[in-house]
Amino acid sequence: MALVLFPIDVIFLDSKKKVVEIKKDFRPWQLYFPKLPCSYVIELKDGLIEKSSTHVGDQLNFDE
């Protein structure tokens, strides 16, 4: 995460848009590889995952 200069929350989704991993408070200049394959990555303002009550296994819906 070289170009983002503030902490963020990250949601990793598989090809069916199911949450496979969540990384909270991801800090600048960190390198991270999800444990499972993912097709989508959603970056959120730090702290928004807690407010949204998103969990691993949740199904998200959005248009591409």
C-alpha atoms as a PDB file:
ATOM      1  CA  MET A   1       0.000   0.000   0.000  1.00  0.00           C
ATOM      2  CA  ALA A   2       2.479   2.571  -1.168  1.00  0.00           C
ATOM      3  CA  LEU A   3       0.269   5.384  -2.441  1.00  0.00           C
ATOM      4  CA  VAL A   4      -2.279   5.575   0.382  1.00  0.00           C
ATOM      5  CA  LEU A   5      -0.909   7.648   3.229  1.00  0.00           C
ATOM      6  CA  PHE A   6      -3.532   6.863   5.874  1.00  0.00           C
ATOM      7  CA  PRO A   7      -4.929   3.642   7.422  1.00  0.00           C
ATOM      8  CA  ILE A   8      -7.812   1.881   5.660  1.00  0.00           C
ATOM      9  CA  ASP A   9      -9.971  -1.220   6.076  1.00  0.00           C
ATOM     10  CA  VAL A  10      -9.897  -3.778   3.256  1.00  0.00           C
ATOM     11  CA  ILE A  11     -12.443  -6.430   2.262  1.00  0.00           C
ATOM     12  CA  PHE A  12     -11.322  -9.305   0.018  1.00  0.00           C
ATOM     13  CA  LEU A  13     -14.030 -11.047  -2.048  1.00  0.00           C
ATOM     14  CA  ASP A  14     -13.989 -14.214  -4.125  1.00  0.00           C
ATOM     15  CA  SER A  15     -15.401 -14.426  -7.669  1.00  0.00           C
ATOM     16  CA  LYS A  16     -18.932 -14.892  -6.276  1.00  0.00           C
ATOM     17  CA  LYS A  17     -18.590 -11.689  -4.198  1.00  0.00           C
ATOM     18  CA  LYS A  18     -18.410 -13.593  -0.916  1.00  0.00           C
ATOM     19  CA  VAL A  19     -16.193 -12.053   1.778  1.00  0.00           C
ATOM     20  CA  VAL A  20     -13.175 -14.341   2.181  1.00  0.00           C
ATOM     21  CA  GLU A  21     -11.013 -12.099   4.345  1.00  0.00           C
ATOM     22  CA  ILE A  22     -11.054  -8.751   6.151  1.00  0.00           C
ATOM     23  CA  LYS A  23      -8.022  -6.641   7.026  1.00  0.00           C
ATOM     24  CA  LYS A  24      -8.764  -3.842   9.501  1.00  0.00           C
ATOM     25  CA  ASP A  25      -6.549  -0.821  10.115  1.00  0.00           C
ATOM     26  CA  PHE A  26      -4.250  -1.521   7.163  1.00  0.00           C
ATOM     27  CA  ARG A  27      -1.354   0.914   7.553  1.00  0.00           C
ATOM     28  CA  PRO A  28       0.622   2.756   4.867  1.00  0.00           C
ATOM     29  CA  TRP A  29       3.672   1.001   3.452  1.00  0.00           C
ATOM     30  CA  GLN A  30       2.521  -2.461   4.579  1.00  0.00           C
ATOM     31  CA  LEU A  31       2.556  -5.400   2.221  1.00  0.00           C
ATOM     32  CA  TYR A  32      -0.188  -8.004   2.564  1.00  0.00           C
ATOM     33  CA  PHE A  33      -1.297 -11.069   0.617  1.00  0.00           C
ATOM     34  CA  PRO A  34      -4.728 -12.582   1.346  1.00  0.00           C
ATOM     35  CA  LYS A  35      -4.716 -16.204   2.474  1.00  0.00           C
ATOM     36  CA  LEU A  36      -7.385 -17.233  -0.069  1.00  0.00           C
ATOM     37  CA  PRO A  37      -7.732 -16.317  -3.746  1.00  0.00           C
ATOM     38  CA  CYS A  38      -9.759 -13.163  -4.299  1.00  0.00           C
ATOM     39  CA  SER A  39     -11.249 -11.452  -7.328  1.00  0.00           C
ATOM     40  CA  TYR A  40     -12.326  -8.168  -5.746  1.00  0.00           C
ATOM     41  CA  VAL A  41     -10.826  -5.819  -3.183  1.00  0.00           C
ATOM     42  CA  ILE A  42     -12.858  -3.096  -1.491  1.00  0.00           C
ATOM     43  CA  GLU A  43     -10.986  -0.322   0.299  1.00  0.00           C
ATOM     44  CA  LEU A  44     -12.851   1.582   3.013  1.00  0.00           C
ATOM     45  CA  LYS A  45     -12.159   4.418   5.386  1.00  0.00           C
ATOM     46  CA  ASP A  46     -10.537   3.086   8.572  1.00  0.00           C
ATOM     47  CA  GLY A  47     -13.213   1.910  11.018  1.00  0.00           C
ATOM     48  CA  LEU A  48     -16.043   1.427   8.506  1.00  0.00           C
ATOM     49  CA  ILE A  49     -15.940  -2.372   8.634  1.00  0.00           C
ATOM     50  CA  GLU A  50     -16.912  -2.267  12.327  1.00  0.00           C
ATOM     51  CA  LYS A  51     -19.775   0.124  11.571  1.00  0.00           C
ATOM     52  CA  SER A  52     -21.045  -2.001   8.670  1.00  0.00           C
ATOM     53  CA  SER A  53     -20.966  -5.287  10.643  1.00  0.00           C
ATOM     54  CA  THR A  54     -19.399  -7.037   7.635  1.00  0.00           C
ATOM     55  CA  HIS A  55     -18.013 -10.506   8.387  1.00  0.00           C
ATOM     56  CA  VAL A  56     -16.162 -13.268   6.582  1.00  0.00           C
ATOM     57  CA  GLY A  57     -18.750 -15.368   4.745  1.00  0.00           C
ATOM     58  CA  ASP A  58     -21.081 -12.439   4.019  1.00  0.00           C
ATOM     59  CA  GLN A  59     -22.343 -12.132   0.447  1.00  0.00           C
ATOM     60  CA  LEU A  60     -22.042  -8.640  -1.079  1.00  0.00           C
ATOM     61  CA  ASN A  61     -23.974  -7.456  -4.117  1.00  0.00           C
ATOM     62  CA  PHE A  62     -22.849  -4.729  -6.483  1.00  0.00           C
ATOM     63  CA  ASP A  63     -22.903  -3.995 -10.203  1.00  0.00           C
ATOM     64  CA  GLU A  64     -19.632  -4.061 -12.046  1.00  0.00           C
END
